[in-house]
C-alpha atoms as a PDB file:
ATOM      1  CA  UNK A   1      69.712 278.313 145.077  1.00  0.00           C
ATOM      2  CA  UNK A   2      68.455 278.226 148.675  1.00  0.00           C
ATOM      3  CA  UNK A   3      65.589 280.552 149.522  1.00  0.00           C
ATOM      4  CA  UNK A   4      65.434 280.050 153.286  1.00  0.00           C
ATOM      5  CA  UNK A   5      65.125 283.819 153.628  1.00  0.00           C
ATOM      6  CA  UNK A   6      62.041 284.196 151.456  1.00  0.00           C
ATOM      7  CA  UNK A   7      59.764 287.127 152.297  1.00  0.00           C
ATOM      8  CA  UNK A   8      58.708 286.481 155.901  1.00  0.00           C
ATOM      9  CA  UNK A   9      55.291 287.997 155.159  1.00  0.00           C
ATOM     10  CA  UNK A  10      54.521 285.088 152.822  1.00  0.00           C
ATOM     11  CA  UNK A  11      55.667 282.531 155.396  1.00  0.00           C
ATOM     12  CA  UNK A  12      53.514 284.027 158.145  1.00  0.00           C
ATOM     13  CA  UNK A  13      50.587 284.306 155.749  1.00  0.00           C
ATOM     14  CA  UNK A  14      50.796 280.653 154.724  1.00  0.00           C
ATOM     15  CA  UNK A  15      51.124 279.302 158.259  1.00  0.00           C
ATOM     16  CA  UNK A  16      48.432 281.495 159.793  1.00  0.00           C
ATOM     17  CA  UNK A  17      45.866 281.317 156.984  1.00  0.00           C
ATOM     18  CA  UNK A  18      42.645 279.399 157.479  1.00  0.00           C
ATOM     19  CA  UNK A  19      42.569 278.717 153.730  1.00  0.00           C
ATOM     20  CA  UNK A  20      44.983 276.783 151.501  1.00  0.00           C
ATOM     21  CA  UNK A  21      47.820 279.149 150.506  1.00  0.00           C
ATOM     22  CA  UNK A  22      50.384 277.800 148.007  1.00  0.00           C
ATOM     23  CA  UNK A  23      52.931 278.896 145.412  1.00  0.00           C
ATOM     24  CA  UNK A  24      51.500 279.049 141.882  1.00  0.00           C
ATOM     25  CA  UNK A  25      54.077 278.798 139.100  1.00  0.00           C
ATOM     26  CA  UNK A  26      51.355 279.408 136.504  1.00  0.00           C
ATOM     27  CA  UNK A  27      50.738 282.920 137.845  1.00  0.00           C
ATOM     28  CA  UNK A  28      54.203 283.387 139.352  1.00  0.00           C
ATOM     29  CA  UNK A  29      52.825 284.353 142.774  1.00  0.00           C
ATOM     30  CA  UNK A  30      51.464 282.899 146.006  1.00  0.00           C
ATOM     31  CA  UNK A  31      47.713 282.277 145.759  1.00  0.00           C
ATOM     32  CA  UNK A  32      44.824 280.955 147.800  1.00  0.00           C
ATOM     33  CA  UNK A  33      43.012 277.924 146.392  1.00  0.00           C
ATOM     34  CA  UNK A  34      39.789 276.126 147.247  1.00  0.00           C
ATOM     35  CA  UNK A  35      39.810 272.810 149.082  1.00  0.00           C
ATOM     36  CA  UNK A  36      38.594 270.016 146.775  1.00  0.00           C
ATOM     37  CA  UNK A  37      35.278 268.302 147.475  1.00  0.00           C
ATOM     38  CA  UNK A  38      33.430 265.247 146.209  1.00  0.00           C
ATOM     39  CA  UNK A  39      29.635 265.405 146.103  1.00  0.00           C
ATOM     40  CA  UNK A  40      29.803 268.410 148.406  1.00  0.00           C
ATOM     41  CA  UNK A  41      32.010 266.734 151.029  1.00  0.00           C
ATOM     42  CA  UNK A  42      35.580 267.872 151.644  1.00  0.00           C
ATOM     43  CA  UNK A  43      38.282 265.436 150.571  1.00  0.00           C
ATOM     44  CA  UNK A  44      40.077 264.188 153.682  1.00  0.00           C
ATOM     45  CA  UNK A  45      43.516 265.657 154.330  1.00  0.00           C
ATOM     46  CA  UNK A  46      44.926 262.117 154.195  1.00  0.00           C
ATOM     47  CA  UNK A  47      43.452 261.700 150.715  1.00  0.00           C
ATOM     48  CA  UNK A  48      44.514 265.061 149.263  1.00  0.00           C
ATOM     49  CA  UNK A  49      47.727 263.728 147.698  1.00  0.00           C
ATOM     50  CA  UNK A  50      45.865 260.838 146.073  1.00  0.00           C
ATOM     51  CA  UNK A  51      43.273 263.302 144.751  1.00  0.00           C
ATOM     52  CA  UNK A  52      46.059 265.371 143.168  1.00  0.00           C
ATOM     53  CA  UNK A  53      47.833 262.320 141.722  1.00  0.00           C
ATOM     54  CA  UNK A  54      44.593 261.076 140.153  1.00  0.00           C
ATOM     55  CA  UNK A  55      44.371 264.341 138.207  1.00  0.00           C
ATOM     56  CA  UNK A  56      48.048 264.733 137.350  1.00  0.00           C
ATOM     57  CA  UNK A  57      48.329 267.761 139.638  1.00  0.00           C
ATOM     58  CA  UNK A  58      50.997 268.775 142.122  1.00  0.00           C
ATOM     59  CA  UNK A  59      51.595 271.588 144.606  1.00  0.00           C
ATOM     60  CA  UNK A  60      55.057 273.180 144.565  1.00  0.00           C
ATOM     61  CA  UNK A  61      57.000 274.481 147.540  1.00  0.00           C
ATOM     62  CA  UNK A  62      58.573 277.957 147.581  1.00  0.00           C
ATOM     63  CA  UNK A  63      61.680 276.585 145.835  1.00  0.00           C
ATOM     64  CA  UNK A  64      59.603 276.919 142.676  1.00  0.00           C
ATOM     65  CA  UNK A  65      60.250 280.680 142.813  1.00  0.00           C
ATOM     66  CA  UNK A  66      63.881 280.160 141.809  1.00  0.00           C
ATOM     67  CA  UNK A  67      63.757 276.910 139.815  1.00  0.00           C
ATOM     68  CA  UNK A  68      63.317 276.600 136.052  1.00  0.00           C
ATOM     69  CA  UNK A  69      60.107 275.163 134.637  1.00  0.00           C
ATOM     70  CA  UNK A  70      62.068 272.089 133.557  1.00  0.00           C
ATOM     71  CA  UNK A  71      62.894 271.447 137.223  1.00  0.00           C
ATOM     72  CA  UNK A  72      59.608 271.786 139.157  1.00  0.00           C
ATOM     73  CA  UNK A  73      59.680 271.375 142.927  1.00  0.00           C
ATOM     74  CA  UNK A  74      56.615 269.429 144.168  1.00  0.00           C
ATOM     75  CA  UNK A  75      56.311 269.653 147.942  1.00  0.00           C
ATOM     76  CA  UNK A  76      56.403 266.524 150.112  1.00  0.00           C
ATOM     77  CA  UNK A  77      53.350 265.173 151.923  1.00  0.00           C
ATOM     78  CA  UNK A  78      54.193 263.747 155.360  1.00  0.00           C
ATOM     79  CA  UNK A  79      51.880 262.408 158.062  1.00  0.00           C
ATOM     80  CA  UNK A  80      52.585 262.893 161.774  1.00  0.00           C
ATOM     81  CA  UNK A  81      52.414 259.787 163.928  1.00  0.00           C
ATOM     82  CA  UNK A  82      52.030 262.025 166.973  1.00  0.00           C
ATOM     83  CA  UNK A  83      48.822 263.795 165.965  1.00  0.00           C
ATOM     84  CA  UNK A  84      47.880 262.084 162.705  1.00  0.00           C
ATOM     85  CA  UNK A  85      48.014 265.462 160.943  1.00  0.00           C
ATOM     86  CA  UNK A  86      49.027 265.699 157.286  1.00  0.00           C
ATOM     87  CA  UNK A  87      51.784 268.214 156.509  1.00  0.00           C
ATOM     88  CA  UNK A  88      53.326 269.659 153.365  1.00  0.00           C
ATOM     89  CA  UNK A  89      57.067 270.431 153.448  1.00  0.00           C
ATOM     90  CA  UNK A  90      59.840 271.594 151.131  1.00  0.00           C
ATOM     91  CA  UNK A  91      60.684 269.496 148.060  1.00  0.00           C
ATOM     92  CA  UNK A  92      64.096 268.682 149.516  1.00  0.00           C
ATOM     93  CA  UNK A  93      64.673 266.318 152.452  1.00  0.00           C
ATOM     94  CA  UNK A  94      67.018 268.959 153.867  1.00  0.00           C
ATOM     95  CA  UNK A  95      64.664 271.923 153.547  1.00  0.00           C
ATOM     96  CA  UNK A  96      65.821 274.783 151.344  1.00  0.00           C
ATOM     97  CA  UNK A  97      62.699 276.882 151.853  1.00  0.00           C
ATOM     98  CA  UNK A  98      60.301 277.515 154.790  1.00  0.00           C
ATOM     99  CA  UNK A  99      57.263 276.033 153.001  1.00  0.00           C
ATOM    100  CA  UNK A 100      55.022 274.289 155.558  1.00  0.00           C
ATOM    101  CA  UNK A 101      51.295 273.595 155.570  1.00  0.00           C
ATOM    102  CA  UNK A 102      49.289 271.631 158.101  1.00  0.00           C
ATOM    103  CA  UNK A 103      46.733 270.263 155.635  1.00  0.00           C
ATOM    104  CA  UNK A 104      44.645 268.749 158.429  1.00  0.00           C
ATOM    105  CA  UNK A 105      44.166 272.113 160.136  1.00  0.00           C
ATOM    106  CA  UNK A 106      43.379 273.855 156.867  1.00  0.00           C
ATOM    107  CA  UNK A 107      40.842 271.124 156.052  1.00  0.00           C
ATOM    108  CA  UNK A 108      39.049 271.948 159.299  1.00  0.00           C
ATOM    109  CA  UNK A 109      39.074 275.740 158.985  1.00  0.00           C
ATOM    110  CA  UNK A 110      38.775 276.506 155.272  1.00  0.00           C
ATOM    111  CA  UNK A 111      35.565 277.929 153.843  1.00  0.00           C
ATOM    112  CA  UNK A 112      36.570 278.003 150.161  1.00  0.00           C
ATOM    113  CA  UNK A 113      35.715 274.681 148.499  1.00  0.00           C
ATOM    114  CA  UNK A 114      35.253 273.417 144.945  1.00  0.00           C
ATOM    115  CA  UNK A 115      34.351 270.266 143.022  1.00  0.00           C
ATOM    116  CA  UNK A 116      36.865 271.338 140.325  1.00  0.00           C
ATOM    117  CA  UNK A 117      34.760 270.137 137.370  1.00  0.00           C
ATOM    118  CA  UNK A 118      37.350 271.431 134.876  1.00  0.00           C
ATOM    119  CA  UNK A 119      40.169 269.312 136.342  1.00  0.00           C
ATOM    120  CA  UNK A 120      39.395 265.782 135.068  1.00  0.00           C
ATOM    121  CA  UNK A 121      41.151 262.652 136.264  1.00  0.00           C
ATOM    122  CA  UNK A 122      43.919 261.140 134.164  1.00  0.00           C
ATOM    123  CA  UNK A 123      41.605 258.211 133.422  1.00  0.00           C
ATOM    124  CA  UNK A 124      39.551 260.486 131.159  1.00  0.00           C
ATOM    125  CA  UNK A 125      42.579 261.204 128.998  1.00  0.00           C
ATOM    126  CA  UNK A 126      41.937 264.955 128.951  1.00  0.00           C
ATOM    127  CA  UNK A 127      44.327 267.684 130.089  1.00  0.00           C
ATOM    128  CA  UNK A 128      42.814 270.864 131.573  1.00  0.00           C
ATOM    129  CA  UNK A 129      43.297 274.178 129.775  1.00  0.00           C
ATOM    130  CA  UNK A 130      45.645 275.850 132.254  1.00  0.00           C
ATOM    131  CA  UNK A 131      46.216 278.845 129.972  1.00  0.00           C
ATOM    132  CA  UNK A 132      42.486 279.571 129.996  1.00  0.00           C
ATOM    133  CA  UNK A 133      42.507 279.498 133.802  1.00  0.00           C
ATOM    134  CA  UNK A 134      45.349 282.008 133.843  1.00  0.00           C
ATOM    135  CA  UNK A 135      43.587 284.327 131.396  1.00  0.00           C
ATOM    136  CA  UNK A 136      40.438 284.386 133.539  1.00  0.00           C
ATOM    137  CA  UNK A 137      42.535 285.011 136.658  1.00  0.00           C
ATOM    138  CA  UNK A 138      44.487 287.840 135.025  1.00  0.00           C
ATOM    139  CA  UNK A 139      41.406 289.558 133.587  1.00  0.00           C
ATOM    140  CA  UNK A 140      39.921 289.851 137.067  1.00  0.00           C
ATOM    141  CA  UNK A 141      43.040 291.665 138.258  1.00  0.00           C
ATOM    142  CA  UNK A 142      43.403 289.393 141.279  1.00  0.00           C
ATOM    143  CA  UNK A 143      47.150 289.021 140.718  1.00  0.00           C
ATOM    144  CA  UNK A 144      47.669 292.465 142.258  1.00  0.00           C
ATOM    145  CA  UNK A 145      46.422 291.272 145.678  1.00  0.00           C
ATOM    146  CA  UNK A 146      48.386 289.377 148.330  1.00  0.00           C
ATOM    147  CA  UNK A 147      47.652 285.648 147.952  1.00  0.00           C
ATOM    148  CA  UNK A 148      44.476 286.208 145.856  1.00  0.00           C
ATOM    149  CA  UNK A 149      41.958 283.426 145.364  1.00  0.00           C
ATOM    150  CA  UNK A 150      42.718 281.569 142.123  1.00  0.00           C
ATOM    151  CA  UNK A 151      39.368 280.033 141.190  1.00  0.00           C
ATOM    152  CA  UNK A 152      39.601 276.706 139.367  1.00  0.00           C
ATOM    153  CA  UNK A 153      43.302 276.214 140.160  1.00  0.00           C
ATOM    154  CA  UNK A 154      44.406 273.340 142.418  1.00  0.00           C
ATOM    155  CA  UNK A 155      48.079 273.005 141.474  1.00  0.00           C
ATOM    156  CA  UNK A 156      50.263 272.584 138.402  1.00  0.00           C
ATOM    157  CA  UNK A 157      49.326 269.942 135.808  1.00  0.00           C
ATOM    158  CA  UNK A 158      52.089 267.508 134.895  1.00  0.00           C
ATOM    159  CA  UNK A 159      51.259 267.692 131.171  1.00  0.00           C
ATOM    160  CA  UNK A 160      53.390 270.837 130.989  1.00  0.00           C
ATOM    161  CA  UNK A 161      56.374 269.393 132.840  1.00  0.00           C
ATOM    162  CA  UNK A 162      59.014 266.652 132.416  1.00  0.00           C
ATOM    163  CA  UNK A 163      57.673 263.091 132.433  1.00  0.00           C
ATOM    164  CA  UNK A 164      57.406 261.605 135.906  1.00  0.00           C
ATOM    165  CA  UNK A 165      56.685 264.876 137.698  1.00  0.00           C
ATOM    166  CA  UNK A 166      54.264 264.130 140.533  1.00  0.00           C
ATOM    167  CA  UNK A 167      53.374 265.019 144.119  1.00  0.00           C
ATOM    168  CA  UNK A 168      56.014 263.649 146.501  1.00  0.00           C
ATOM    169  CA  UNK A 169      55.709 261.997 149.905  1.00  0.00           C
ATOM    170  CA  UNK A 170      58.118 261.422 152.799  1.00  0.00           C
ATOM    171  CA  UNK A 171      60.882 260.926 153.682  1.00  0.00           C
ATOM    172  CA  UNK A 172      60.740 259.911 157.341  1.00  0.00           C
ATOM    173  CA  UNK A 173      61.091 262.830 159.743  1.00  0.00           C
ATOM    174  CA  UNK A 174      62.306 262.683 163.331  1.00  0.00           C
ATOM    175  CA  UNK A 175      61.170 266.059 164.558  1.00  0.00           C
ATOM    176  CA  UNK A 176      57.897 267.749 165.277  1.00  0.00           C
ATOM    177  CA  UNK A 177      57.277 270.930 163.233  1.00  0.00           C
ATOM    178  CA  UNK A 178      57.256 274.114 165.252  1.00  0.00           C
ATOM    179  CA  UNK A 179      53.855 275.536 166.144  1.00  0.00           C
ATOM    180  CA  UNK A 180      55.229 279.063 166.460  1.00  0.00           C
ATOM    181  CA  UNK A 181      52.507 280.420 164.198  1.00  0.00           C
ATOM    182  CA  UNK A 182      49.688 278.266 165.583  1.00  0.00           C
ATOM    183  CA  UNK A 183      48.382 281.070 167.797  1.00  0.00           C
ATOM    184  CA  UNK A 184      47.866 283.212 164.703  1.00  0.00           C
ATOM    185  CA  UNK A 185      45.407 280.737 163.190  1.00  0.00           C
ATOM    186  CA  UNK A 186      41.783 281.764 163.624  1.00  0.00           C
ATOM    187  CA  UNK A 187      39.831 278.986 165.320  1.00  0.00           C
ATOM    188  CA  UNK A 188      36.227 278.451 164.317  1.00  0.00           C
ATOM    189  CA  UNK A 189      33.593 275.769 164.309  1.00  0.00           C
ATOM    190  CA  UNK A 190      33.484 273.477 161.311  1.00  0.00           C
ATOM    191  CA  UNK A 191      31.239 270.593 160.227  1.00  0.00           C
ATOM    192  CA  UNK A 192      34.424 268.705 159.328  1.00  0.00           C
ATOM    193  CA  UNK A 193      36.095 268.173 162.722  1.00  0.00           C
ATOM    194  CA  UNK A 194      39.213 266.062 163.162  1.00  0.00           C
ATOM    195  CA  UNK A 195      40.000 263.781 166.074  1.00  0.00           C
ATOM    196  CA  UNK A 196      43.341 263.382 167.835  1.00  0.00           C
ATOM    197  CA  UNK A 197      44.963 259.990 167.386  1.00  0.00           C
ATOM    198  CA  UNK A 198      46.660 258.385 170.380  1.00  0.00           C
ATOM    199  CA  UNK A 199      49.979 256.949 169.184  1.00  0.00           C
ATOM    200  CA  UNK A 200      52.747 255.563 171.429  1.00  0.00           C
ATOM    201  CA  UNK A 201      55.470 258.188 171.818  1.00  0.00           C
ATOM    202  CA  UNK A 202      58.114 255.541 171.178  1.00  0.00           C
ATOM    203  CA  UNK A 203      57.048 255.257 167.546  1.00  0.00           C
ATOM    204  CA  UNK A 204      58.640 257.336 164.796  1.00  0.00           C
ATOM    205  CA  UNK A 205      56.991 260.755 164.854  1.00  0.00           C
ATOM    206  CA  UNK A 206      56.482 260.964 161.135  1.00  0.00           C
ATOM    207  CA  UNK A 207      55.835 258.298 158.566  1.00  0.00           C
ATOM    208  CA  UNK A 208      55.849 258.467 154.787  1.00  0.00           C
ATOM    209  CA  UNK A 209      52.252 258.574 153.627  1.00  0.00           C
ATOM    210  CA  UNK A 210      51.124 255.764 151.370  1.00  0.00           C
ATOM    211  CA  UNK A 211      48.945 256.523 148.382  1.00  0.00           C
ATOM    212  CA  UNK A 212      45.284 255.929 149.157  1.00  0.00           C
ATOM    213  CA  UNK A 213      43.039 254.166 146.648  1.00  0.00           C
ATOM    214  CA  UNK A 214      40.341 256.415 145.106  1.00  0.00           C
ATOM    215  CA  UNK A 215      37.583 254.761 147.154  1.00  0.00           C
ATOM    216  CA  UNK A 216      39.196 256.079 150.348  1.00  0.00           C
ATOM    217  CA  UNK A 217      39.344 259.736 149.299  1.00  0.00           C
ATOM    218  CA  UNK A 218      36.192 260.655 151.186  1.00  0.00           C
ATOM    219  CA  UNK A 219      34.503 259.347 154.277  1.00  0.00           C
ATOM    220  CA  UNK A 220      31.579 257.294 153.052  1.00  0.00           C
ATOM    221  CA  UNK A 221      29.654 254.401 154.515  1.00  0.00           C
ATOM    222  CA  UNK A 222      30.734 251.013 153.136  1.00  0.00           C
ATOM    223  CA  UNK A 223      28.414 249.436 150.605  1.00  0.00           C
ATOM    224  CA  UNK A 224      26.313 246.663 152.066  1.00  0.00           C
ATOM    225  CA  UNK A 225      25.897 243.553 149.964  1.00  0.00           C
ATOM    226  CA  UNK A 226      22.535 241.818 150.536  1.00  0.00           C
ATOM    227  CA  UNK A 227      23.091 238.435 152.166  1.00  0.00           C
ATOM    228  CA  UNK A 228      21.394 235.319 150.876  1.00  0.00           C
ATOM    229  CA  UNK A 229      18.957 233.804 153.327  1.00  0.00           C
ATOM    230  CA  UNK A 230      19.598 230.278 154.538  1.00  0.00           C
ATOM    231  CA  UNK A 231      15.920 229.549 153.902  1.00  0.00           C
ATOM    232  CA  UNK A 232      15.807 231.111 150.475  1.00  0.00           C
ATOM    233  CA  UNK A 233      14.326 227.947 148.985  1.00  0.00           C
ATOM    234  CA  UNK A 234      11.436 227.785 151.429  1.00  0.00           C
ATOM    235  CA  UNK A 235       9.134 229.628 149.054  1.00  0.00           C
ATOM    236  CA  UNK A 236       7.811 233.128 148.462  1.00  0.00           C
ATOM    237  CA  UNK A 237       5.716 233.006 151.648  1.00  0.00           C
ATOM    238  CA  UNK A 238       8.907 233.823 153.564  1.00  0.00           C
ATOM    239  CA  UNK A 239       9.010 237.328 152.031  1.00  0.00           C
ATOM    240  CA  UNK A 240       6.008 239.683 152.248  1.00  0.00           C
ATOM    241  CA  UNK A 241       5.046 240.997 148.824  1.00  0.00           C
ATOM    242  CA  UNK A 242       2.283 243.566 149.014  1.00  0.00           C
ATOM    243  CA  UNK A 243       2.487 244.668 145.393  1.00  0.00           C
ATOM    244  CA  UNK A 244       4.088 244.052 142.024  1.00  0.00           C
ATOM    245  CA  UNK A 245       6.437 246.980 142.660  1.00  0.00           C
ATOM    246  CA  UNK A 246       7.545 245.315 145.884  1.00  0.00           C
ATOM    247  CA  UNK A 247       8.436 242.159 143.985  1.00  0.00           C
ATOM    248  CA  UNK A 248      10.370 244.151 141.402  1.00  0.00           C
ATOM    249  CA  UNK A 249      12.301 245.947 144.166  1.00  0.00           C
ATOM    250  CA  UNK A 250      13.311 242.680 145.805  1.00  0.00           C
ATOM    251  CA  UNK A 251      14.283 241.155 142.470  1.00  0.00           C
ATOM    252  CA  UNK A 252      16.397 244.229 141.665  1.00  0.00           C
ATOM    253  CA  UNK A 253      18.115 244.114 145.048  1.00  0.00           C
ATOM    254  CA  UNK A 254      18.917 240.449 144.644  1.00  0.00           C
ATOM    255  CA  UNK A 255      20.223 240.931 141.109  1.00  0.00           C
ATOM    256  CA  UNK A 256      22.381 243.863 142.154  1.00  0.00           C
ATOM    257  CA  UNK A 257      23.665 241.874 145.118  1.00  0.00           C
ATOM    258  CA  UNK A 258      24.737 239.062 142.795  1.00  0.00           C
ATOM    259  CA  UNK A 259      26.540 241.540 140.537  1.00  0.00           C
ATOM    260  CA  UNK A 260      28.321 243.047 143.542  1.00  0.00           C
ATOM    261  CA  UNK A 261      29.364 239.584 144.666  1.00  0.00           C
ATOM    262  CA  UNK A 262      30.840 238.936 141.207  1.00  0.00           C
ATOM    263  CA  UNK A 263      32.708 242.243 141.375  1.00  0.00           C
ATOM    264  CA  UNK A 264      34.137 241.383 144.795  1.00  0.00           C
ATOM    265  CA  UNK A 265      35.158 237.968 143.464  1.00  0.00           C
ATOM    266  CA  UNK A 266      37.178 239.660 140.731  1.00  0.00           C
ATOM    267  CA  UNK A 267      34.819 238.793 137.871  1.00  0.00           C
ATOM    268  CA  UNK A 268      34.510 242.394 136.675  1.00  0.00           C
ATOM    269  CA  UNK A 269      31.628 244.867 136.518  1.00  0.00           C
ATOM    270  CA  UNK A 270      28.402 243.380 135.182  1.00  0.00           C
ATOM    271  CA  UNK A 271      26.336 245.350 132.677  1.00  0.00           C
ATOM    272  CA  UNK A 272      23.667 247.375 134.464  1.00  0.00           C
ATOM    273  CA  UNK A 273      25.468 247.540 137.829  1.00  0.00           C
ATOM    274  CA  UNK A 274      26.811 251.066 137.376  1.00  0.00           C
ATOM    275  CA  UNK A 275      24.859 254.018 135.969  1.00  0.00           C
ATOM    276  CA  UNK A 276      25.858 257.653 135.433  1.00  0.00           C
ATOM    277  CA  UNK A 277      24.028 260.708 136.771  1.00  0.00           C
ATOM    278  CA  UNK A 278      23.137 262.914 133.796  1.00  0.00           C
ATOM    279  CA  UNK A 279      23.630 266.097 135.835  1.00  0.00           C
ATOM    280  CA  UNK A 280      26.832 265.715 137.878  1.00  0.00           C
ATOM    281  CA  UNK A 281      28.407 262.886 135.860  1.00  0.00           C
ATOM    282  CA  UNK A 282      29.148 260.735 138.922  1.00  0.00           C
ATOM    283  CA  UNK A 283      28.720 256.964 138.827  1.00  0.00           C
ATOM    284  CA  UNK A 284      26.383 255.031 141.142  1.00  0.00           C
ATOM    285  CA  UNK A 285      24.889 251.598 141.484  1.00  0.00           C
ATOM    286  CA  UNK A 286      21.497 251.457 139.808  1.00  0.00           C
ATOM    287  CA  UNK A 287      19.623 251.392 143.116  1.00  0.00           C
ATOM    288  CA  UNK A 288      21.645 254.226 144.663  1.00  0.00           C
ATOM    289  CA  UNK A 289      21.210 256.415 141.581  1.00  0.00           C
ATOM    290  CA  UNK A 290      17.462 256.717 142.161  1.00  0.00           C
ATOM    291  CA  UNK A 291      17.953 258.347 145.545  1.00  0.00           C
ATOM    292  CA  UNK A 292      20.848 260.467 144.310  1.00  0.00           C
ATOM    293  CA  UNK A 293      18.898 261.908 141.366  1.00  0.00           C
ATOM    294  CA  UNK A 294      16.233 263.275 143.707  1.00  0.00           C
ATOM    295  CA  UNK A 295      18.876 265.202 145.651  1.00  0.00           C
ATOM    296  CA  UNK A 296      20.997 266.172 142.655  1.00  0.00           C
ATOM    297  CA  UNK A 297      18.060 267.496 140.630  1.00  0.00           C
ATOM    298  CA  UNK A 298      16.283 268.946 143.640  1.00  0.00           C
ATOM    299  CA  UNK A 299      13.254 266.664 143.321  1.00  0.00           C
ATOM    300  CA  UNK A 300      11.010 266.621 146.384  1.00  0.00           C
ATOM    301  CA  UNK A 301       9.791 263.167 147.367  1.00  0.00           C
ATOM    302  CA  UNK A 302       6.144 263.449 148.439  1.00  0.00           C
ATOM    303  CA  UNK A 303       5.656 259.738 149.014  1.00  0.00           C
END
């Protein structure tokens, strides 16, 4: 069944909202959800689909209102080659509903964010308790509001759906989505600003987005591998060592550098290279963990 004539109020709300407004099959209504973050930094719009896939999650388009649970309707992620913006469209190539989100704009304007600690990645082999999320949501009475904030929810989990259900991408589009509702969007300053990409107009306007590897989900500085000095055999006099701790630091850096080189060469992760933060559960190299712990635990460095 086509639902091109879905309640116009919901369409206007979704396209003019500064937050992420989606259809939630779990609650049976349209809800507002928090933008996912990693270590306090918003996931890039280009990495949102990969973030969802890594956790077995998917966002449905409005066609989900009329489809059976055995036939979920994940929306399609498409990137514009005109602006570089990431969009979400109807499940079907020939749209049957007016679902449309400019994820890049929402990334820049949204204030609601979450680390989603209760939505583990598939690698952990644990499925989130979606029923518990719904109970908490219902008890607060939020379902009576228009597009209420559903805390802890970031999409449907594929464990409750037919095998193979996942967030879609593409297909190629040859038109530019209308910006009829753009003037409704509230503009505001944000620490996460996007930059326009200059792309030749002759290129296809939209391109199917490729899955991004997990390491590209957030904007982080590339790890620097210590280089070996050409004069490394000239003796210790080449390196100033003011104390025993200084020598240990240099030895640790060199050892970690060798382990990183082995990892790059495809020889696997050496024991002692990666350590886990006891508070947030994130993994770091041994040297990086020391600095992270101070920030994570709120330790003030007086040195």
